[in-house]
PDB file of all heavy atoms in Angstrom:
ATOM      1  N   ALA A   1     -18.732  -1.861   3.294  1.00  0.00           N
ATOM      2  CA  ALA A   1     -18.013  -3.137   3.400  1.00  0.00           C
ATOM      3  C   ALA A   1     -17.851  -3.789   2.030  1.00  0.00           C
ATOM      4  O   ALA A   1     -16.796  -4.331   1.705  1.00  0.00           O
ATOM      5  CB  ALA A   1     -18.743  -4.075   4.354  1.00  0.00           C
ATOM      6  N   GLN A   2     -18.905  -3.721   1.216  1.00  0.00           N
ATOM      7  CA  GLN A   2     -18.810  -4.282  -0.132  1.00  0.00           C
ATOM      8  C   GLN A   2     -17.770  -3.541  -0.960  1.00  0.00           C
ATOM      9  O   GLN A   2     -17.018  -4.145  -1.732  1.00  0.00           O
ATOM     10  CB  GLN A   2     -20.180  -4.225  -0.813  1.00  0.00           C
ATOM     11  CG  GLN A   2     -21.190  -5.195  -0.207  1.00  0.00           C
ATOM     12  CD  GLN A   2     -22.470  -5.264  -1.010  1.00  0.00           C
ATOM     13  OE1 GLN A   2     -22.444  -5.190  -2.225  1.00  0.00           O
ATOM     14  NE2 GLN A   2     -23.588  -5.408  -0.327  1.00  0.00           N
ATOM     15  N   LYS A   3     -17.695  -2.230  -0.800  1.00  0.00           N
ATOM     16  CA  LYS A   3     -16.683  -1.452  -1.521  1.00  0.00           C
ATOM     17  C   LYS A   3     -15.277  -1.852  -1.074  1.00  0.00           C
ATOM     18  O   LYS A   3     -14.365  -1.981  -1.897  1.00  0.00           O
ATOM     19  CB  LYS A   3     -16.901   0.045  -1.281  1.00  0.00           C
ATOM     20  CG  LYS A   3     -18.147   0.606  -1.944  1.00  0.00           C
ATOM     21  CD  LYS A   3     -18.254   2.106  -1.691  1.00  0.00           C
ATOM     22  CE  LYS A   3     -19.487   2.681  -2.374  1.00  0.00           C
ATOM     23  NZ  LYS A   3     -19.611   4.158  -2.151  1.00  0.00           N
ATOM     24  N   PHE A   4     -15.105  -2.037   0.241  1.00  0.00           N
ATOM     25  CA  PHE A   4     -13.789  -2.435   0.755  1.00  0.00           C
ATOM     26  C   PHE A   4     -13.368  -3.784   0.186  1.00  0.00           C
ATOM     27  O   PHE A   4     -12.231  -3.958  -0.261  1.00  0.00           O
ATOM     28  CB  PHE A   4     -13.834  -2.494   2.287  1.00  0.00           C
ATOM     29  CG  PHE A   4     -12.528  -2.907   2.913  1.00  0.00           C
ATOM     30  CD1 PHE A   4     -11.530  -1.982   3.159  1.00  0.00           C
ATOM     31  CD2 PHE A   4     -12.290  -4.234   3.243  1.00  0.00           C
ATOM     32  CE1 PHE A   4     -10.324  -2.357   3.727  1.00  0.00           C
ATOM     33  CE2 PHE A   4     -11.082  -4.635   3.813  1.00  0.00           C
ATOM     34  CZ  PHE A   4     -10.098  -3.686   4.055  1.00  0.00           C
ATOM     35  N   VAL A   5     -14.275  -4.748   0.203  1.00  0.00           N
ATOM     36  CA  VAL A   5     -13.974  -6.089  -0.312  1.00  0.00           C
ATOM     37  C   VAL A   5     -13.636  -6.033  -1.803  1.00  0.00           C
ATOM     38  O   VAL A   5     -12.801  -6.801  -2.289  1.00  0.00           O
ATOM     39  CB  VAL A   5     -15.161  -7.038  -0.056  1.00  0.00           C
ATOM     40  CG1 VAL A   5     -14.977  -8.359  -0.790  1.00  0.00           C
ATOM     41  CG2 VAL A   5     -15.308  -7.297   1.445  1.00  0.00           C
ATOM     42  N   ASN A   6     -14.238  -5.103  -2.524  1.00  0.00           N
ATOM     43  CA  ASN A   6     -13.964  -4.961  -3.956  1.00  0.00           C
ATOM     44  C   ASN A   6     -12.724  -4.128  -4.246  1.00  0.00           C
ATOM     45  O   ASN A   6     -12.398  -3.868  -5.407  1.00  0.00           O
ATOM     46  CB  ASN A   6     -15.172  -4.337  -4.659  1.00  0.00           C
ATOM     47  CG  ASN A   6     -16.365  -5.282  -4.692  1.00  0.00           C
ATOM     48  OD1 ASN A   6     -16.208  -6.500  -4.715  1.00  0.00           O
ATOM     49  ND2 ASN A   6     -17.568  -4.712  -4.678  1.00  0.00           N
ATOM     50  N   GLY A   7     -12.032  -3.704  -3.179  1.00  0.00           N
ATOM     51  CA  GLY A   7     -10.773  -2.977  -3.351  1.00  0.00           C
ATOM     52  C   GLY A   7     -10.920  -1.503  -3.625  1.00  0.00           C
ATOM     53  O   GLY A   7      -9.958  -0.850  -4.068  1.00  0.00           O
ATOM     54  N   LEU A   8     -12.095  -0.929  -3.373  1.00  0.00           N
ATOM     55  CA  LEU A   8     -12.326   0.484  -3.646  1.00  0.00           C
ATOM     56  C   LEU A   8     -11.917   1.341  -2.448  1.00  0.00           C
ATOM     57  O   LEU A   8     -12.115   0.966  -1.296  1.00  0.00           O
ATOM     58  CB  LEU A   8     -13.808   0.725  -3.959  1.00  0.00           C
ATOM     59  CG  LEU A   8     -14.359  -0.032  -5.173  1.00  0.00           C
ATOM     60  CD1 LEU A   8     -15.854   0.245  -5.318  1.00  0.00           C
ATOM     61  CD2 LEU A   8     -13.611   0.376  -6.439  1.00  0.00           C
ATOM     62  N   LYS A   9     -11.374   2.512  -2.725  1.00  0.00           N
ATOM     63  CA  LYS A   9     -11.026   3.458  -1.674  1.00  0.00           C
ATOM     64  C   LYS A   9     -12.272   4.245  -1.277  1.00  0.00           C
ATOM     65  O   LYS A   9     -13.198   4.406  -2.076  1.00  0.00           O
ATOM     66  CB  LYS A   9      -9.929   4.415  -2.140  1.00  0.00           C
ATOM     67  CG  LYS A   9      -8.600   3.738  -2.437  1.00  0.00           C
ATOM     68  CD  LYS A   9      -7.561   4.753  -2.882  1.00  0.00           C
ATOM     69  CE  LYS A   9      -6.224   4.092  -3.168  1.00  0.00           C
ATOM     70  NZ  LYS A   9      -5.202   5.088  -3.606  1.00  0.00           N
ATOM     71  N   MET A  10     -12.255   4.759  -0.041  1.00  0.00           N
ATOM     72  CA  MET A  10     -13.405   5.534   0.414  1.00  0.00           C
ATOM     73  C   MET A  10     -12.963   6.551   1.458  1.00  0.00           C
ATOM     74  O   MET A  10     -12.002   6.320   2.198  1.00  0.00           O
ATOM     75  CB  MET A  10     -14.476   4.607   0.997  1.00  0.00           C
ATOM     76  CG  MET A  10     -14.036   3.832   2.231  1.00  0.00           C
ATOM     77  SD  MET A  10     -15.115   2.433   2.594  1.00  0.00           S
ATOM     78  CE  MET A  10     -14.494   1.230   1.401  1.00  0.00           C
ATOM     79  N   ASP A  11     -13.673   7.688   1.497  1.00  0.00           N
ATOM     80  CA  ASP A  11     -13.377   8.714   2.499  1.00  0.00           C
ATOM     81  C   ASP A  11     -13.874   8.243   3.863  1.00  0.00           C
ATOM     82  O   ASP A  11     -14.986   7.721   3.988  1.00  0.00           O
ATOM     83  CB  ASP A  11     -14.069  10.026   2.125  1.00  0.00           C
ATOM     84  CG  ASP A  11     -13.503  10.631   0.850  1.00  0.00           C
ATOM     85  OD1 ASP A  11     -12.323  10.373   0.554  1.00  0.00           O
ATOM     86  OD2 ASP A  11     -14.252  11.339   0.145  1.00  0.00           O
ATOM     87  N   LEU A  12     -13.022   8.437   4.873  1.00  0.00           N
ATOM     88  CA  LEU A  12     -13.394   8.020   6.224  1.00  0.00           C
ATOM     89  C   LEU A  12     -12.609   8.858   7.225  1.00  0.00           C
ATOM     90  O   LEU A  12     -11.368   8.889   7.181  1.00  0.00           O
ATOM     91  CB  LEU A  12     -13.097   6.528   6.425  1.00  0.00           C
ATOM     92  CG  LEU A  12     -13.817   5.837   7.584  1.00  0.00           C
ATOM     93  CD1 LEU A  12     -15.327   5.798   7.335  1.00  0.00           C
ATOM     94  CD2 LEU A  12     -13.300   4.419   7.762  1.00  0.00           C
ATOM     95  N   GLU A  13     -13.319   9.552   8.083  1.00  0.00           N
ATOM     96  CA  GLU A  13     -12.660  10.389   9.086  1.00  0.00           C
ATOM     97  C   GLU A  13     -12.185   9.516  10.237  1.00  0.00           C
ATOM     98  O   GLU A  13     -12.967   9.075  11.075  1.00  0.00           O
ATOM     99  CB  GLU A  13     -13.620  11.475   9.581  1.00  0.00           C
ATOM    100  CG  GLU A  13     -13.934  12.526   8.536  1.00  0.00           C
ATOM    101  CD  GLU A  13     -14.732  13.679   9.106  1.00  0.00           C
ATOM    102  OE1 GLU A  13     -14.864  13.738  10.351  1.00  0.00           O
ATOM    103  OE2 GLU A  13     -15.221  14.510   8.329  1.00  0.00           O
ATOM    104  N   LYS A  14     -10.896   9.256  10.261  1.00  0.00           N
ATOM    105  CA  LYS A  14     -10.297   8.397  11.281  1.00  0.00           C
ATOM    106  C   LYS A  14      -8.808   8.711  11.327  1.00  0.00           C
ATOM    107  O   LYS A  14      -8.223   9.156  10.335  1.00  0.00           O
ATOM    108  CB  LYS A  14     -10.519   6.932  10.911  1.00  0.00           C
ATOM    109  CG  LYS A  14     -10.309   5.936  12.042  1.00  0.00           C
ATOM    110  CD  LYS A  14     -11.526   5.804  12.932  1.00  0.00           C
ATOM    111  CE  LYS A  14     -11.328   4.673  13.930  1.00  0.00           C
ATOM    112  NZ  LYS A  14     -12.443   4.585  14.897  1.00  0.00           N
ATOM    113  N   SER A  15      -8.201   8.472  12.457  1.00  0.00           N
ATOM    114  CA  SER A  15      -6.765   8.738  12.592  1.00  0.00           C
ATOM    115  C   SER A  15      -5.978   7.863  11.626  1.00  0.00           C
ATOM    116  O   SER A  15      -6.344   6.699  11.379  1.00  0.00           O
ATOM    117  CB  SER A  15      -6.301   8.454  14.021  1.00  0.00           C
ATOM    118  OG  SER A  15      -6.979   9.283  14.941  1.00  0.00           O
ATOM    119  N   PRO A  16      -4.870   8.382  11.069  1.00  0.00           N
ATOM    120  CA  PRO A  16      -4.046   7.586  10.157  1.00  0.00           C
ATOM    121  C   PRO A  16      -3.517   6.331  10.848  1.00  0.00           C
ATOM    122  O   PRO A  16      -3.240   6.331  12.051  1.00  0.00           O
ATOM    123  CB  PRO A  16      -2.903   8.540   9.803  1.00  0.00           C
ATOM    124  CG  PRO A  16      -3.439   9.917  10.059  1.00  0.00           C
ATOM    125  CD  PRO A  16      -4.353   9.753  11.240  1.00  0.00           C
ATOM    126  N   GLY A  17      -3.386   5.257  10.102  1.00  0.00           N
ATOM    127  CA  GLY A  17      -2.869   4.010  10.653  1.00  0.00           C
ATOM    128  C   GLY A  17      -3.508   2.810   9.991  1.00  0.00           C
ATOM    129  O   GLY A  17      -4.301   2.940   9.049  1.00  0.00           O
ATOM    130  N   GLN A  18      -3.165   1.652  10.501  1.00  0.00           N
ATOM    131  CA  GLN A  18      -3.698   0.405   9.957  1.00  0.00           C
ATOM    132  C   GLN A  18      -4.734  -0.180  10.908  1.00  0.00           C
ATOM    133  O   GLN A  18      -4.557  -0.154  12.127  1.00  0.00           O
ATOM    134  CB  GLN A  18      -2.568  -0.597   9.709  1.00  0.00           C
ATOM    135  CG  GLN A  18      -3.002  -1.825   8.917  1.00  0.00           C
ATOM    136  CD  GLN A  18      -1.826  -2.736   8.576  1.00  0.00           C
ATOM    137  OE1 GLN A  18      -1.184  -3.257   9.470  1.00  0.00           O
ATOM    138  NE2 GLN A  18      -1.561  -2.908   7.289  1.00  0.00           N
ATOM    139  N   TYR A  19      -5.801  -0.736  10.344  1.00  0.00           N
ATOM    140  CA  TYR A  19      -6.919  -1.236  11.129  1.00  0.00           C
ATOM    141  C   TYR A  19      -7.413  -2.584  10.594  1.00  0.00           C
ATOM    142  O   TYR A  19      -7.234  -2.896   9.404  1.00  0.00           O
ATOM    143  CB  TYR A  19      -8.110  -0.263  11.054  1.00  0.00           C
ATOM    144  CG  TYR A  19      -7.864   1.108  11.600  1.00  0.00           C
ATOM    145  CD1 TYR A  19      -7.214   2.080  10.836  1.00  0.00           C
ATOM    146  CD2 TYR A  19      -8.305   1.462  12.869  1.00  0.00           C
ATOM    147  CE1 TYR A  19      -7.001   3.365  11.331  1.00  0.00           C
ATOM    148  CE2 TYR A  19      -8.104   2.740  13.376  1.00  0.00           C
ATOM    149  CZ  TYR A  19      -7.454   3.688  12.599  1.00  0.00           C
ATOM    150  OH  TYR A  19      -7.252   4.956  13.099  1.00  0.00           O
ATOM    151  N   TRP A  20      -8.036  -3.344  11.487  1.00  0.00           N
ATOM    152  CA  TRP A  20      -8.871  -4.450  11.031  1.00  0.00           C
ATOM    153  C   TRP A  20     -10.192  -3.851  10.584  1.00  0.00           C
ATOM    154  O   TRP A  20     -10.755  -2.983  11.266  1.00  0.00           O
ATOM    155  CB  TRP A  20      -9.131  -5.462  12.143  1.00  0.00           C
ATOM    156  CG  TRP A  20      -7.978  -6.378  12.406  1.00  0.00           C
ATOM    157  CD1 TRP A  20      -7.256  -6.492  13.556  1.00  0.00           C
ATOM    158  CD2 TRP A  20      -7.425  -7.335  11.501  1.00  0.00           C
ATOM    159  NE1 TRP A  20      -6.286  -7.445  13.430  1.00  0.00           N
ATOM    160  CE2 TRP A  20      -6.359  -7.982  12.170  1.00  0.00           C
ATOM    161  CE3 TRP A  20      -7.717  -7.709  10.187  1.00  0.00           C
ATOM    162  CZ2 TRP A  20      -5.586  -8.972  11.569  1.00  0.00           C
ATOM    163  CZ3 TRP A  20      -6.951  -8.691   9.582  1.00  0.00           C
ATOM    164  CH2 TRP A  20      -5.909  -9.315  10.268  1.00  0.00           C
ATOM    165  N   VAL A  21     -10.676  -4.305   9.443  1.00  0.00           N
ATOM    166  CA  VAL A  21     -11.945  -3.803   8.922  1.00  0.00           C
ATOM    167  C   VAL A  21     -12.975  -4.922   9.002  1.00  0.00           C
ATOM    168  O   VAL A  21     -12.714  -6.061   8.600  1.00  0.00           O
ATOM    169  CB  VAL A  21     -11.785  -3.323   7.463  1.00  0.00           C
ATOM    170  CG1 VAL A  21     -13.111  -2.837   6.921  1.00  0.00           C
ATOM    171  CG2 VAL A  21     -10.742  -2.212   7.388  1.00  0.00           C
ATOM    172  N   LYS A  22     -14.155  -4.603   9.538  1.00  0.00           N
ATOM    173  CA  LYS A  22     -15.206  -5.608   9.683  1.00  0.00           C
ATOM    174  C   LYS A  22     -16.565  -4.980   9.435  1.00  0.00           C
ATOM    175  O   LYS A  22     -16.713  -3.756   9.374  1.00  0.00           O
ATOM    176  CB  LYS A  22     -15.158  -6.236  11.083  1.00  0.00           C
ATOM    177  CG  LYS A  22     -15.466  -5.295  12.215  1.00  0.00           C
ATOM    178  CD  LYS A  22     -15.240  -5.936  13.587  1.00  0.00           C
ATOM    179  CE  LYS A  22     -16.283  -6.977  13.938  1.00  0.00           C
ATOM    180  NZ  LYS A  22     -17.600  -6.375  14.260  1.00  0.00           N
ATOM    181  N   THR A  23     -17.560  -5.827   9.290  1.00  0.00           N
ATOM    182  CA  THR A  23     -18.949  -5.396   9.228  1.00  0.00           C
ATOM    183  C   THR A  23     -19.777  -6.389  10.012  1.00  0.00           C
ATOM    184  O   THR A  23     -19.648  -7.606   9.815  1.00  0.00           O
ATOM    185  CB  THR A  23     -19.450  -5.286   7.777  1.00  0.00           C
ATOM    186  OG1 THR A  23     -20.791  -4.803   7.779  1.00  0.00           O
ATOM    187  CG2 THR A  23     -19.389  -6.617   7.049  1.00  0.00           C
ATOM    188  N   ASP A  24     -20.564  -5.892  10.923  1.00  0.00           N
ATOM    189  CA  ASP A  24     -21.291  -6.777  11.850  1.00  0.00           C
ATOM    190  C   ASP A  24     -20.278  -7.709  12.524  1.00  0.00           C
ATOM    191  O   ASP A  24     -19.366  -7.244  13.164  1.00  0.00           O
ATOM    192  CB  ASP A  24     -22.381  -7.556  11.115  1.00  0.00           C
ATOM    193  CG  ASP A  24     -23.466  -6.629  10.574  1.00  0.00           C
ATOM    194  OD1 ASP A  24     -23.738  -5.608  11.237  1.00  0.00           O
ATOM    195  OD2 ASP A  24     -24.033  -6.914   9.503  1.00  0.00           O
ATOM    196  N   ASN A  25     -20.440  -9.023  12.343  1.00  0.00           N
ATOM    197  CA  ASN A  25     -19.522  -9.981  12.974  1.00  0.00           C
ATOM    198  C   ASN A  25     -18.498 -10.541  11.988  1.00  0.00           C
ATOM    199  O   ASN A  25     -17.799 -11.503  12.301  1.00  0.00           O
ATOM    200  CB  ASN A  25     -20.310 -11.144  13.590  1.00  0.00           C
ATOM    201  CG  ASN A  25     -21.168 -10.695  14.753  1.00  0.00           C
ATOM    202  OD1 ASN A  25     -20.741  -9.861  15.557  1.00  0.00           O
ATOM    203  ND2 ASN A  25     -22.375 -11.224  14.836  1.00  0.00           N
ATOM    204  N   PHE A  26     -18.398  -9.955  10.806  1.00  0.00           N
ATOM    205  CA  PHE A  26     -17.527 -10.501   9.762  1.00  0.00           C
ATOM    206  C   PHE A  26     -16.292  -9.624   9.563  1.00  0.00           C
ATOM    207  O   PHE A  26     -16.415  -8.429   9.253  1.00  0.00           O
ATOM    208  CB  PHE A  26     -18.293 -10.647   8.444  1.00  0.00           C
ATOM    209  CG  PHE A  26     -19.516 -11.500   8.546  1.00  0.00           C
ATOM    210  CD1 PHE A  26     -20.783 -10.937   8.509  1.00  0.00           C
ATOM    211  CD2 PHE A  26     -19.408 -12.874   8.694  1.00  0.00           C
ATOM    212  CE1 PHE A  26     -21.916 -11.716   8.613  1.00  0.00           C
ATOM    213  CE2 PHE A  26     -20.540 -13.673   8.801  1.00  0.00           C
ATOM    214  CZ  PHE A  26     -21.799 -13.096   8.767  1.00  0.00           C
ATOM    215  N   TYR A  27     -15.122 -10.217   9.745  1.00  0.00           N
ATOM    216  CA  TYR A  27     -13.867  -9.514   9.458  1.00  0.00           C
ATOM    217  C   TYR A  27     -13.572  -9.607   7.970  1.00  0.00           C
ATOM    218  O   TYR A  27     -13.747 -10.664   7.344  1.00  0.00           O
ATOM    219  CB  TYR A  27     -12.722 -10.114  10.270  1.00  0.00           C
ATOM    220  CG  TYR A  27     -12.690  -9.641  11.704  1.00  0.00           C
ATOM    221  CD1 TYR A  27     -13.562 -10.188  12.647  1.00  0.00           C
ATOM    222  CD2 TYR A  27     -11.824  -8.634  12.114  1.00  0.00           C
ATOM    223  CE1 TYR A  27     -13.562  -9.740  13.967  1.00  0.00           C
ATOM    224  CE2 TYR A  27     -11.810  -8.189  13.425  1.00  0.00           C
ATOM    225  CZ  TYR A  27     -12.679  -8.745  14.348  1.00  0.00           C
ATOM    226  OH  TYR A  27     -12.677  -8.298  15.647  1.00  0.00           O
ATOM    227  N   LEU A  28     -13.100  -8.495   7.406  1.00  0.00           N
ATOM    228  CA  LEU A  28     -12.902  -8.405   5.959  1.00  0.00           C
ATOM    229  C   LEU A  28     -11.430  -8.338   5.556  1.00  0.00           C
ATOM    230  O   LEU A  28     -11.081  -8.666   4.428  1.00  0.00           O
ATOM    231  CB  LEU A  28     -13.622  -7.169   5.408  1.00  0.00           C
ATOM    232  CG  LEU A  28     -15.073  -6.979   5.854  1.00  0.00           C
ATOM    233  CD1 LEU A  28     -15.604  -5.655   5.331  1.00  0.00           C
ATOM    234  CD2 LEU A  28     -15.937  -8.136   5.391  1.00  0.00           C
ATOM    235  N   GLY A  29     -10.565  -7.891   6.462  1.00  0.00           N
ATOM    236  CA  GLY A  29      -9.147  -7.784   6.146  1.00  0.00           C
ATOM    237  C   GLY A  29      -8.504  -6.590   6.811  1.00  0.00           C
ATOM    238  O   GLY A  29      -9.090  -5.946   7.689  1.00  0.00           O
ATOM    239  N   LEU A  30      -7.291  -6.280   6.385  1.00  0.00           N
ATOM    240  CA  LEU A  30      -6.545  -5.130   6.909  1.00  0.00           C
ATOM    241  C   LEU A  30      -6.670  -3.949   5.950  1.00  0.00           C
ATOM    242  O   LEU A  30      -6.540  -4.108   4.730  1.00  0.00           O
ATOM    243  CB  LEU A  30      -5.063  -5.476   7.051  1.00  0.00           C
ATOM    244  CG  LEU A  30      -4.598  -6.220   8.299  1.00  0.00           C
ATOM    245  CD1 LEU A  30      -3.103  -6.510   8.200  1.00  0.00           C
ATOM    246  CD2 LEU A  30      -4.894  -5.433   9.572  1.00  0.00           C
ATOM    247  N   GLY A  31      -6.895  -2.780   6.538  1.00  0.00           N
ATOM    248  CA  GLY A  31      -6.950  -1.566   5.734  1.00  0.00           C
ATOM    249  C   GLY A  31      -6.157  -0.457   6.388  1.00  0.00           C
ATOM    250  O   GLY A  31      -5.896  -0.494   7.599  1.00  0.00           O
ATOM    251  N   SER A  32      -5.767   0.529   5.600  1.00  0.00           N
ATOM    252  CA  SER A  32      -5.007   1.672   6.122  1.00  0.00           C
ATOM    253  C   SER A  32      -5.716   2.966   5.781  1.00  0.00           C
ATOM    254  O   SER A  32      -6.343   3.089   4.718  1.00  0.00           O
ATOM    255  CB  SER A  32      -3.597   1.698   5.523  1.00  0.00           C
ATOM    256  OG  SER A  32      -2.826   0.642   6.023  1.00  0.00           O
ATOM    257  N   ILE A  33      -5.596   3.927   6.697  1.00  0.00           N
ATOM    258  CA  ILE A  33      -6.153   5.255   6.466  1.00  0.00           C
ATOM    259  C   ILE A  33      -5.013   6.253   6.342  1.00  0.00           C
ATOM    260  O   ILE A  33      -4.136   6.334   7.203  1.00  0.00           O
ATOM    261  CB  ILE A  33      -7.101   5.672   7.607  1.00  0.00           C
ATOM    262  CG1 ILE A  33      -8.375   4.837   7.552  1.00  0.00           C
ATOM    263  CG2 ILE A  33      -7.430   7.157   7.514  1.00  0.00           C
ATOM    264  CD1 ILE A  33      -9.419   5.226   8.577  1.00  0.00           C
ATOM    265  N   GLU A  34      -5.016   6.966   5.231  1.00  0.00           N
ATOM    266  CA  GLU A  34      -4.060   8.037   4.980  1.00  0.00           C
ATOM    267  C   GLU A  34      -4.822   9.234   4.427  1.00  0.00           C
ATOM    268  O   GLU A  34      -5.605   9.092   3.484  1.00  0.00           O
ATOM    269  CB  GLU A  34      -2.980   7.600   3.983  1.00  0.00           C
ATOM    270  CG  GLU A  34      -2.091   6.474   4.476  1.00  0.00           C
ATOM    271  CD  GLU A  34      -1.063   6.067   3.425  1.00  0.00           C
ATOM    272  OE1 GLU A  34      -0.950   6.799   2.420  1.00  0.00           O
ATOM    273  OE2 GLU A  34      -0.406   5.033   3.612  1.00  0.00           O
ATOM    274  N   SER A  35      -4.620  10.390   5.053  1.00  0.00           N
ATOM    275  CA  SER A  35      -5.284  11.635   4.614  1.00  0.00           C
ATOM    276  C   SER A  35      -6.794  11.460   4.505  1.00  0.00           C
ATOM    277  O   SER A  35      -7.426  11.932   3.542  1.00  0.00           O
ATOM    278  CB  SER A  35      -4.702  12.097   3.263  1.00  0.00           C
ATOM    279  OG  SER A  35      -3.308  12.274   3.351  1.00  0.00           O
ATOM    280  N   GLY A  36      -7.377  10.749   5.460  1.00  0.00           N
ATOM    281  CA  GLY A  36      -8.824  10.597   5.484  1.00  0.00           C
ATOM    282  C   GLY A  36      -9.390   9.636   4.472  1.00  0.00           C
ATOM    283  O   GLY A  36     -10.604   9.629   4.217  1.00  0.00           O
ATOM    284  N   VAL A  37      -8.531   8.792   3.890  1.00  0.00           N
ATOM    285  CA  VAL A  37      -8.984   7.824   2.879  1.00  0.00           C
ATOM    286  C   VAL A  37      -8.633   6.408   3.338  1.00  0.00           C
ATOM    287  O   VAL A  37      -7.482   6.136   3.695  1.00  0.00           O
ATOM    288  CB  VAL A  37      -8.342   8.100   1.496  1.00  0.00           C
ATOM    289  CG1 VAL A  37      -8.747   7.023   0.495  1.00  0.00           C
ATOM    290  CG2 VAL A  37      -8.749   9.476   0.992  1.00  0.00           C
ATOM    291  N   LEU A  38      -9.625   5.532   3.317  1.00  0.00           N
ATOM    292  CA  LEU A  38      -9.417   4.125   3.678  1.00  0.00           C
ATOM    293  C   LEU A  38      -9.170   3.304   2.418  1.00  0.00           C
ATOM    294  O   LEU A  38      -9.945   3.370   1.458  1.00  0.00           O
ATOM    295  CB  LEU A  38     -10.645   3.574   4.412  1.00  0.00           C
ATOM    296  CG  LEU A  38     -10.665   2.061   4.667  1.00  0.00           C
ATOM    297  CD1 LEU A  38      -9.555   1.654   5.630  1.00  0.00           C
ATOM    298  CD2 LEU A  38     -12.028   1.623   5.204  1.00  0.00           C
ATOM    299  N   LYS A  39      -8.100   2.534   2.428  1.00  0.00           N
ATOM    300  CA  LYS A  39      -7.810   1.620   1.321  1.00  0.00           C
ATOM    301  C   LYS A  39      -7.523   0.231   1.883  1.00  0.00           C
ATOM    302  O   LYS A  39      -7.109   0.083   3.030  1.00  0.00           O
ATOM    303  CB  LYS A  39      -6.614   2.093   0.494  1.00  0.00           C
ATOM    304  CG  LYS A  39      -5.289   2.055   1.201  1.00  0.00           C
ATOM    305  CD  LYS A  39      -4.166   2.487   0.276  1.00  0.00           C
ATOM    306  CE  LYS A  39      -2.805   2.375   0.981  1.00  0.00           C
ATOM    307  NZ  LYS A  39      -2.440   0.973   1.243  1.00  0.00           N
ATOM    308  N   SER A  40      -7.744  -0.770   1.079  1.00  0.00           N
ATOM    309  CA  SER A  40      -7.500  -2.152   1.495  1.00  0.00           C
ATOM    310  C   SER A  40      -6.025  -2.498   1.364  1.00  0.00           C
ATOM    311  O   SER A  40      -5.419  -2.254   0.321  1.00  0.00           O
ATOM    312  CB  SER A  40      -8.337  -3.103   0.629  1.00  0.00           C
ATOM    313  OG  SER A  40      -8.022  -4.441   0.923  1.00  0.00           O
ATOM    314  N   ASP A  41      -5.420  -3.040   2.424  1.00  0.00           N
ATOM    315  CA  ASP A  41      -4.042  -3.536   2.369  1.00  0.00           C
ATOM    316  C   ASP A  41      -4.034  -5.017   1.981  1.00  0.00           C
ATOM    317  O   ASP A  41      -3.393  -5.412   1.015  1.00  0.00           O
ATOM    318  CB  ASP A  41      -3.345  -3.357   3.723  1.00  0.00           C
ATOM    319  CG  ASP A  41      -3.083  -1.906   4.043  1.00  0.00           C
ATOM    320  OD1 ASP A  41      -2.998  -1.100   3.104  1.00  0.00           O
ATOM    321  OD2 ASP A  41      -2.975  -1.574   5.232  1.00  0.00           O
ATOM    322  N   ILE A  42      -4.750  -5.807   2.751  1.00  0.00           N
ATOM    323  CA  ILE A  42      -4.899  -7.232   2.448  1.00  0.00           C
ATOM    324  C   ILE A  42      -6.327  -7.640   2.812  1.00  0.00           C
ATOM    325  O   ILE A  42      -6.710  -7.606   3.985  1.00  0.00           O
ATOM    326  CB  ILE A  42      -3.919  -8.122   3.247  1.00  0.00           C
ATOM    327  CG1 ILE A  42      -2.473  -7.674   3.041  1.00  0.00           C
ATOM    328  CG2 ILE A  42      -4.067  -9.580   2.827  1.00  0.00           C
ATOM    329  CD1 ILE A  42      -1.464  -8.503   3.809  1.00  0.00           C
ATOM    330  N   GLY A  43      -7.102  -8.006   1.808  1.00  0.00           N
ATOM    331  CA  GLY A  43      -8.455  -8.467   2.059  1.00  0.00           C
ATOM    332  C   GLY A  43      -8.487  -9.977   2.162  1.00  0.00           C
ATOM    333  O   GLY A  43      -7.642 -10.684   1.603  1.00  0.00           O
ATOM    334  N   PHE A  44      -9.444 -10.495   2.903  1.00  0.00           N
ATOM    335  CA  PHE A  44      -9.591 -11.945   3.003  1.00  0.00           C
ATOM    336  C   PHE A  44     -10.145 -12.487   1.694  1.00  0.00           C
ATOM    337  O   PHE A  44     -11.019 -11.885   1.077  1.00  0.00           O
ATOM    338  CB  PHE A  44     -10.527 -12.312   4.160  1.00  0.00           C
ATOM    339  CG  PHE A  44      -9.976 -11.954   5.520  1.00  0.00           C
ATOM    340  CD1 PHE A  44     -10.826 -11.829   6.615  1.00  0.00           C
ATOM    341  CD2 PHE A  44      -8.622 -11.741   5.721  1.00  0.00           C
ATOM    342  CE1 PHE A  44     -10.333 -11.506   7.871  1.00  0.00           C
ATOM    343  CE2 PHE A  44      -8.107 -11.423   6.967  1.00  0.00           C
ATOM    344  CZ  PHE A  44      -8.984 -11.294   8.045  1.00  0.00           C
ATOM    345  N   SER A  45      -9.649 -13.642   1.286  1.00  0.00           N
ATOM    346  CA  SER A  45     -10.104 -14.249   0.033  1.00  0.00           C
ATOM    347  C   SER A  45     -11.397 -15.030   0.267  1.00  0.00           C
ATOM    348  O   SER A  45     -11.778 -15.328   1.413  1.00  0.00           O
ATOM    349  CB  SER A  45      -9.021 -15.174  -0.513  1.00  0.00           C
ATOM    350  OG  SER A  45      -8.684 -16.157   0.437  1.00  0.00           O
TER     351      SER A  45
END
């Protein structure tokens, strides 16, 4: 979650598409998965 908030990409086995990204009860923003890599589209400020 800290990596996502800092804008870092990470490997993640998940179907391609756009997702809400959260940790525990905290939503962090929108991210997309392409070719097994999660990147941040729009993170919450």
